[in-house]
Amino acid sequence: MCRDAHRRQFRVLPHFYADSPADGYTQLIVLCAFAVDGWTNFRDSPARDGCGPTPRMLRTGPCQDNGITTYGEWLAAFGKGQLAGNQCGFRLTPGTPKRW
């Protein structure tokens, strides 16, 4: 760990701790969730939410767009082999329709 690592970390607190800018906290809004590292720095989508497909990998866009809405479906599609960028992520942005 580097000497100034404490300056690069963050803590996730309950939502009510970040009710206004005056409290000194920033609200964390989760846009897309992955089971493991989703290589979001390589993904691109018009929504700029980190949930787009990984270049040259099939079915790696949002899970909902790929018909994957449950853990069992995700596990059947991506539970074997090396994951990293080769997985879909669940889009969690406000207004995302539930497809289950």
Protein backbone atom coordinates (compact mmCIF):
# COMPACT_ATOMS: atom_id res chain seq x y z
CA MET A 1 0.00 0.00 0.00
CA CYS A 2 1.40 3.40 -0.88
CA ARG A 3 2.15 6.00 1.77
CA ASP A 4 -0.80 8.27 0.86
CA ALA A 5 -3.34 5.50 0.15
CA HIS A 6 -5.74 7.02 2.67
CA ARG A 7 -6.26 9.94 0.28
CA ARG A 8 -7.50 7.63 -2.50
CA GLN A 9 -10.12 5.63 -0.69
CA PHE A 10 -13.78 6.25 -0.09
CA ARG A 11 -16.49 4.98 2.19
CA VAL A 12 -20.04 4.11 1.22
CA LEU A 13 -22.53 5.42 3.76
CA PRO A 14 -26.33 5.15 3.96
CA HIS A 15 -28.18 7.41 1.53
CA PHE A 16 -29.39 9.86 4.20
CA TYR A 17 -25.81 10.97 4.95
CA ALA A 18 -25.66 12.68 1.55
CA ASP A 19 -28.92 14.61 1.55
CA SER A 20 -27.40 17.94 0.54
CA PRO A 21 -24.08 19.33 -0.73
CA ALA A 22 -23.66 21.18 2.58
CA ASP A 23 -23.16 17.94 4.51
CA GLY A 24 -19.84 17.31 2.72
CA TYR A 25 -20.82 13.96 1.21
CA THR A 26 -21.58 13.02 -2.38
CA GLN A 27 -24.45 10.71 -3.26
CA LEU A 28 -23.30 7.52 -4.95
CA ILE A 29 -25.57 6.54 -7.81
CA VAL A 30 -25.04 3.01 -9.11
CA LEU A 31 -25.63 2.88 -12.87
CA CYS A 32 -24.61 -0.69 -13.68
CA ALA A 33 -23.71 -3.71 -11.54
CA PHE A 34 -21.45 -6.66 -12.39
CA ALA A 35 -20.86 -9.93 -10.54
CA VAL A 36 -17.10 -9.35 -10.83
CA ASP A 37 -14.90 -6.66 -12.41
CA GLY A 38 -16.79 -5.74 -15.57
CA TRP A 39 -13.99 -3.91 -17.39
CA THR A 40 -16.16 -0.81 -17.47
CA ASN A 41 -13.24 1.28 -18.75
CA PHE A 42 -13.50 -0.68 -22.06
CA ARG A 43 -17.29 -0.50 -22.38
CA ASP A 44 -19.13 2.21 -24.26
CA SER A 45 -22.80 2.99 -24.56
CA PRO A 46 -24.85 6.02 -25.56
CA ALA A 47 -25.98 6.29 -21.93
CA ARG A 48 -22.32 6.49 -20.75
CA ASP A 49 -23.26 4.27 -17.80
CA GLY A 50 -20.50 1.64 -18.04
CA CYS A 51 -23.05 -0.97 -19.02
CA GLY A 52 -22.37 -1.09 -22.76
CA PRO A 53 -20.88 -4.10 -24.54
CA THR A 54 -17.23 -5.05 -24.39
CA PRO A 55 -15.77 -4.65 -27.89
CA ARG A 56 -15.68 -7.92 -29.88
CA MET A 57 -17.47 -9.94 -27.15
CA LEU A 58 -20.99 -11.22 -27.73
CA ARG A 59 -23.84 -10.67 -25.23
CA THR A 60 -21.82 -8.32 -23.04
CA GLY A 61 -24.18 -5.33 -23.13
CA PRO A 62 -26.81 -4.81 -20.43
CA CYS A 63 -28.16 -8.13 -19.15
CA GLN A 64 -31.75 -6.93 -19.56
CA ASP A 65 -31.14 -6.28 -23.27
CA ASN A 66 -29.80 -9.83 -23.59
CA GLY A 67 -32.83 -11.42 -21.94
CA ILE A 68 -30.89 -12.20 -18.76
CA THR A 69 -32.88 -11.18 -15.71
CA THR A 70 -32.02 -13.75 -13.03
CA TYR A 71 -28.93 -15.09 -11.34
CA GLY A 72 -29.58 -18.52 -12.86
CA GLU A 73 -29.69 -17.09 -16.38
CA TRP A 74 -26.52 -15.08 -15.76
CA LEU A 75 -24.74 -18.14 -14.34
CA ALA A 76 -25.79 -20.30 -17.31
CA ALA A 77 -24.46 -17.70 -19.76
CA PHE A 78 -21.27 -16.58 -18.02
CA GLY A 79 -20.57 -18.95 -15.12
CA LYS A 80 -17.91 -20.97 -16.91
CA GLY A 81 -14.46 -19.81 -17.89
CA GLN A 82 -12.77 -16.44 -17.60
CA LEU A 83 -15.15 -13.56 -16.93
CA ALA A 84 -13.62 -10.08 -16.80
CA GLY A 85 -15.11 -8.24 -19.78
CA ASN A 86 -16.93 -11.33 -21.00
CA GLN A 87 -20.13 -10.81 -19.02
CA CYS A 88 -23.21 -8.63 -19.05
CA GLY A 89 -23.99 -6.08 -16.36
CA PHE A 90 -27.35 -5.22 -14.84
CA ARG A 91 -28.39 -1.67 -15.71
CA LEU A 92 -29.67 0.09 -12.58
CA THR A 93 -30.27 3.63 -13.79
CA PRO A 94 -33.51 5.29 -12.70
CA GLY A 95 -36.26 4.50 -15.19
CA THR A 96 -34.78 1.19 -16.34
CA PRO A 97 -37.79 -1.04 -16.97
CA LYS A 98 -37.96 -4.26 -15.01
CA ARG A 99 -38.11 -7.19 -17.37
CA TRP A 100 -38.85 -9.93 -14.90
